[in-house]
Protein backbone atom coordinates (compact mmCIF):
# COMPACT_ATOMS: atom_id res chain seq x y z
CA MET A 1 -2.37 19.40 30.45
CA GLY A 2 -4.10 22.04 28.36
CA HIS A 3 -1.26 22.06 25.85
CA VAL A 4 -1.29 18.27 25.61
CA HIS A 5 -5.06 18.36 25.03
CA GLN A 6 -4.57 20.84 22.17
CA VAL A 7 -1.96 18.59 20.55
CA ILE A 8 -4.25 15.56 20.78
CA GLN A 9 -7.13 17.57 19.33
CA PHE A 10 -4.96 18.75 16.43
CA LEU A 11 -3.85 15.20 15.62
CA THR A 12 -7.40 13.91 15.87
CA GLU A 13 -8.64 16.56 13.46
CA ASN A 14 -5.86 15.89 10.96
CA PHE A 15 -5.96 12.12 10.79
CA ARG A 16 -8.27 9.48 12.11
CA THR A 17 -5.89 6.89 13.57
CA VAL A 18 -2.24 6.83 14.49
CA GLU A 19 -1.06 3.40 13.42
CA PRO A 20 2.13 1.88 14.85
CA CYS A 21 4.18 2.90 11.82
CA TRP A 22 3.98 5.27 8.85
CA LEU A 23 0.80 3.91 7.28
CA LYS A 24 -1.79 6.54 8.17
CA CYS A 25 0.35 8.96 10.11
CA LYS A 26 0.57 11.74 7.55
CA VAL A 27 0.52 15.21 9.09
CA ASP A 28 1.51 18.62 7.77
CA ASN A 29 4.73 19.03 9.77
CA LYS A 30 4.99 22.75 9.05
CA LYS A 31 1.40 23.39 10.15
CA PHE A 32 1.94 21.43 13.38
CA GLU A 33 5.21 23.17 14.23
CA GLU A 34 3.81 26.64 13.53
CA LYS A 35 0.84 25.99 15.80
CA PHE A 36 2.65 24.41 18.77
CA ARG A 37 6.24 25.65 18.28
CA ILE A 38 7.65 22.19 18.90
CA PRO A 39 9.34 19.97 16.31
CA MET A 40 7.56 17.10 14.59
CA ILE A 41 10.18 14.35 14.35
CA GLU A 42 9.49 11.48 11.96
CA ALA A 43 11.06 8.18 12.99
CA TYR A 44 10.82 4.44 12.33
CA GLY A 45 10.95 1.43 14.59
CA LEU A 46 9.59 -2.05 15.09
CA THR A 47 9.28 -4.56 17.91
CA GLU A 48 12.06 -6.76 16.55
CA VAL A 49 14.56 -3.92 16.92
CA THR A 50 13.38 -3.13 20.49
CA THR A 51 14.09 0.59 19.95
CA ALA A 52 13.60 3.15 17.24
CA ALA A 53 15.75 2.24 14.24
CA THR A 54 15.91 5.60 12.45
CA ALA A 55 14.90 9.17 13.18
CA ASN A 56 15.25 12.63 11.75
CA PRO A 57 17.78 14.59 13.84
CA PHE A 58 16.54 17.01 16.51
CA SER A 59 19.19 19.47 15.33
CA GLY A 60 20.23 19.32 11.73
CA ILE A 61 18.45 18.54 8.49
CA ARG A 62 14.98 17.04 8.85
CA LYS A 63 13.45 15.81 5.62
CA PRO A 64 9.62 15.66 5.53
CA GLY A 65 8.42 12.27 4.33
CA SER A 66 11.64 10.60 5.45
CA VAL A 67 12.02 8.58 8.66
CA GLY A 68 15.52 9.94 8.99
CA LEU A 69 18.93 8.42 9.60
CA PRO A 70 19.94 5.18 11.37
CA LEU A 71 20.41 5.61 15.11
CA PRO A 72 23.89 5.06 16.60
CA HIS A 73 25.10 1.44 16.64
CA LEU A 74 22.52 0.40 14.04
CA GLU A 75 23.08 -0.26 10.35
CA VAL A 76 20.20 0.14 7.92
CA LYS A 77 20.40 -0.88 4.27
CA ILE A 78 18.10 -1.55 1.32
CA PHE A 79 18.31 -5.07 -0.14
CA ASP A 80 16.90 -6.64 -3.30
CA ASP A 81 15.28 -10.09 -3.43
CA GLN A 82 18.75 -11.69 -3.59
CA ASP A 83 19.80 -9.92 -0.37
CA LYS A 84 22.15 -7.60 -2.24
CA GLY A 85 22.33 -3.87 -1.63
CA VAL A 86 20.54 -1.69 -4.19
CA PRO A 87 21.79 1.65 -5.59
CA VAL A 88 20.82 4.94 -3.98
CA GLY A 89 17.20 5.85 -4.70
CA GLU A 90 16.12 2.36 -5.74
CA ILE A 91 13.36 0.51 -3.89
CA GLY A 92 13.99 -2.66 -1.91
CA GLU A 93 13.46 -4.24 1.50
CA VAL A 94 14.66 -2.36 4.58
CA VAL A 95 17.11 -4.50 6.58
CA ILE A 96 18.67 -3.69 9.95
CA ARG A 97 21.71 -4.95 11.87
CA GLY A 98 23.00 -4.07 15.32
CA PRO A 99 22.93 -4.88 19.06
CA ALA A 100 19.31 -3.74 19.48
CA VAL A 101 18.02 -6.36 17.02
CA MET A 102 16.25 -9.35 18.59
CA LYS A 103 17.91 -12.76 18.88
CA GLY A 104 14.80 -14.49 17.52
CA TYR A 105 11.12 -15.28 18.03
CA TYR A 106 10.39 -17.37 21.11
CA ASN A 107 9.89 -21.03 20.20
CA ASN A 108 9.48 -20.17 16.51
CA HIS A 109 12.65 -21.21 14.71
CA GLU A 110 11.03 -21.11 11.27
CA ALA A 111 9.92 -17.47 11.58
CA THR A 112 13.31 -16.55 13.03
CA ALA A 113 15.11 -18.12 10.06
CA GLU A 114 12.88 -16.24 7.62
CA THR A 115 13.42 -12.89 9.35
CA LEU A 116 17.08 -13.06 10.41
CA LYS A 117 19.37 -13.84 7.50
CA SER A 118 23.16 -13.48 7.55
CA GLY A 119 22.91 -11.23 10.61
CA TRP A 120 20.38 -8.86 9.04
CA LEU A 121 16.80 -8.37 10.23
CA HIS A 122 14.49 -8.38 7.22
CA THR A 123 11.70 -5.99 8.19
CA GLY A 124 9.22 -6.75 5.40
CA ASP A 125 9.03 -3.02 4.71
CA LEU A 126 9.80 -1.57 1.29
CA GLY A 127 11.83 1.60 1.23
CA LYS A 128 14.65 3.55 -0.34
CA MET A 129 17.67 5.55 0.78
CA ASP A 130 18.67 8.93 -0.62
CA GLU A 131 22.16 10.24 -1.32
CA ASP A 132 22.44 11.60 2.24
CA GLY A 133 21.51 8.29 3.87
CA TYR A 134 17.94 9.25 4.80
CA ILE A 135 15.42 6.39 4.72
CA TYR A 136 11.96 6.57 3.13
CA ILE A 137 9.38 3.88 3.90
CA LEU A 138 7.01 3.11 1.04
CA ASP A 139 4.88 0.11 1.96
CA ARG A 140 4.77 -3.44 3.30
CA LYS A 141 6.45 -5.90 0.93
CA LYS A 142 3.58 -8.38 1.25
CA ASP A 143 1.03 -5.68 0.36
CA MET A 144 2.67 -4.68 -2.94
CA ILE A 145 0.40 -5.20 -5.95
CA ILE A 146 1.78 -6.31 -9.32
CA CYS A 147 -0.34 -5.07 -12.24
CA SER A 148 0.75 -6.06 -15.74
CA GLY A 149 4.31 -6.39 -14.47
CA TYR A 150 4.30 -2.98 -12.74
CA ASN A 151 4.66 -2.52 -9.00
CA VAL A 152 1.80 -0.65 -7.31
CA TYR A 153 2.31 0.50 -3.73
CA PRO A 154 -1.04 0.64 -1.89
CA ARG A 155 0.17 3.48 0.31
CA GLU A 156 0.46 5.80 -2.71
CA VAL A 157 -3.12 5.08 -3.76
CA GLU A 158 -4.37 5.38 -0.18
CA GLU A 159 -2.69 8.76 0.29
CA LEU A 160 -4.37 10.05 -2.85
CA LEU A 161 -7.79 8.78 -1.72
CA HIS A 162 -7.30 10.45 1.66
CA THR A 163 -7.18 13.81 -0.14
CA HIS A 164 -10.72 13.33 -1.45
CA PRO A 165 -13.13 15.44 0.64
CA ALA A 166 -15.61 12.56 1.07
CA VAL A 167 -13.04 9.98 2.23
CA LEU A 168 -12.31 9.55 5.92
CA GLU A 169 -10.11 6.49 5.59
CA ALA A 170 -8.96 4.21 2.78
CA ALA A 171 -7.31 0.81 2.56
CA VAL A 172 -6.11 -0.65 -0.75
CA ILE A 173 -5.38 -4.28 -1.56
CA GLY A 174 -4.69 -6.30 -4.70
CA ILE A 175 -7.43 -8.48 -6.17
CA PRO A 176 -7.09 -11.12 -8.92
CA ASP A 177 -7.39 -9.79 -12.47
CA PRO A 178 -7.45 -12.25 -15.40
CA LYS A 179 -5.76 -9.77 -17.74
CA ARG A 180 -3.35 -7.90 -15.45
CA GLY A 181 -2.62 -10.49 -12.77
CA GLU A 182 -3.76 -8.13 -10.02
CA SER A 183 -5.62 -4.83 -9.79
CA PRO A 184 -6.01 -2.40 -6.88
CA MET A 185 -9.28 -2.39 -4.94
CA ALA A 186 -10.17 0.26 -2.36
CA PHE A 187 -12.09 -0.13 0.89
CA ILE A 188 -13.49 3.23 1.95
CA ILE A 189 -14.89 4.69 5.17
CA PRO A 190 -16.74 7.86 4.05
CA ARG A 191 -16.68 11.04 6.06
CA PRO A 192 -19.85 11.57 8.11
CA GLY A 193 -22.43 13.50 6.10
CA LYS A 194 -20.49 13.09 2.84
CA LYS A 195 -21.56 11.01 -0.14
CA VAL A 196 -19.41 9.63 -2.92
CA THR A 197 -19.87 6.85 -5.47
CA GLU A 198 -17.58 4.10 -6.68
CA GLU A 199 -17.49 5.72 -10.13
CA GLU A 200 -16.44 9.09 -8.68
CA LEU A 201 -13.52 7.58 -6.76
CA ILE A 202 -12.35 5.55 -9.75
CA GLN A 203 -12.42 8.70 -11.89
CA PHE A 204 -10.58 10.60 -9.14
CA CYS A 205 -7.81 8.01 -9.38
CA ARG A 206 -7.78 8.16 -13.19
CA ASP A 207 -7.27 11.92 -12.98
CA ASN A 208 -4.32 11.64 -10.61
CA LEU A 209 -2.56 8.31 -11.14
CA ALA A 210 -0.95 6.28 -13.90
CA ALA A 211 -3.46 3.94 -15.56
CA TYR A 212 -2.06 0.76 -13.99
CA LYS A 213 -2.46 2.23 -10.47
CA VAL A 214 -6.16 3.08 -10.85
CA ILE A 215 -8.50 1.18 -8.53
CA LYS A 216 -10.81 -1.30 -10.20
CA ALA A 217 -13.47 -1.55 -7.49
CA VAL A 218 -14.62 0.11 -4.26
CA LYS A 219 -16.31 -1.28 -1.17
CA PHE A 220 -17.78 1.15 1.36
CA MET A 221 -17.57 0.21 5.04
CA GLU A 222 -18.44 1.68 8.42
CA GLU A 223 -15.25 0.32 10.00
CA PHE A 224 -12.20 -1.74 9.07
CA PRO A 225 -11.04 -4.93 10.79
CA ARG A 226 -8.14 -3.94 13.06
CA ASN A 227 -5.71 -5.42 15.52
CA PRO A 228 -5.47 -4.11 19.13
CA ASN A 229 -3.08 -1.37 17.94
CA ARG A 230 -5.70 -0.13 15.45
CA LYS A 231 -3.70 -1.30 12.44
CA VAL A 232 -5.93 -2.30 9.52
CA LEU A 233 -5.92 -6.06 8.97
CA LYS A 234 -5.59 -6.29 5.21
CA ARG A 235 -5.54 -10.08 5.28
CA GLU A 236 -9.14 -9.94 6.50
CA LEU A 237 -10.04 -7.54 3.70
CA ARG A 238 -8.57 -10.06 1.25
CA GLU A 239 -10.69 -12.79 2.82
CA MET A 240 -13.79 -10.64 2.31
CA VAL A 241 -13.03 -10.49 -1.40
CA LYS A 242 -12.44 -14.25 -1.62
CA ASN A 243 -15.73 -14.97 0.12
């Protein structure tokens, strides 16, 4: 029990919440493995698949930042908006096929038809596959921001903001912009005892991101709206902006 307590303490100190996917679960694998001498295995799964869908191998090549290879009896591909496979390294929607995939949503034929197409489960997650078949998850498709025709992935901006010493947690959404279509906006929970201004965080982004990815506004909060699994409800953040 003492060892388990140490692991929990380490995870708590290194990130605030473990969400039910990749969103905030960013840990220094090497640091963790050196401290506890057990492997940190990155994997990917969702309820509709009923099991994990991909995982880095226990023995073999593990690639930090990747969620690994498809598990046996599952196929994982990256599709474009026309449900065609994309070349290696290009970004698209992660789709999954195999016996572990659900038959459908109970009494919801419309949602089932939108999610299951031609035998493939459309996950709603954006990702890419490398030349060795390893999968990388980038963001939720519905959360992608389009600024002046460029794709902005909120996760990239959030990960940068999490490196700022005054930021405990960040959530980024797209807000209407009359010139660019959309612009990124950040919601920030500051670290206790730390102070930071909107201008400082915007400049921090300017110093580290391409111009079209820079946040336009910041709202400071004590807590984010979340579901029972502690996942940030970005739709409620969007409603805050509308209202």
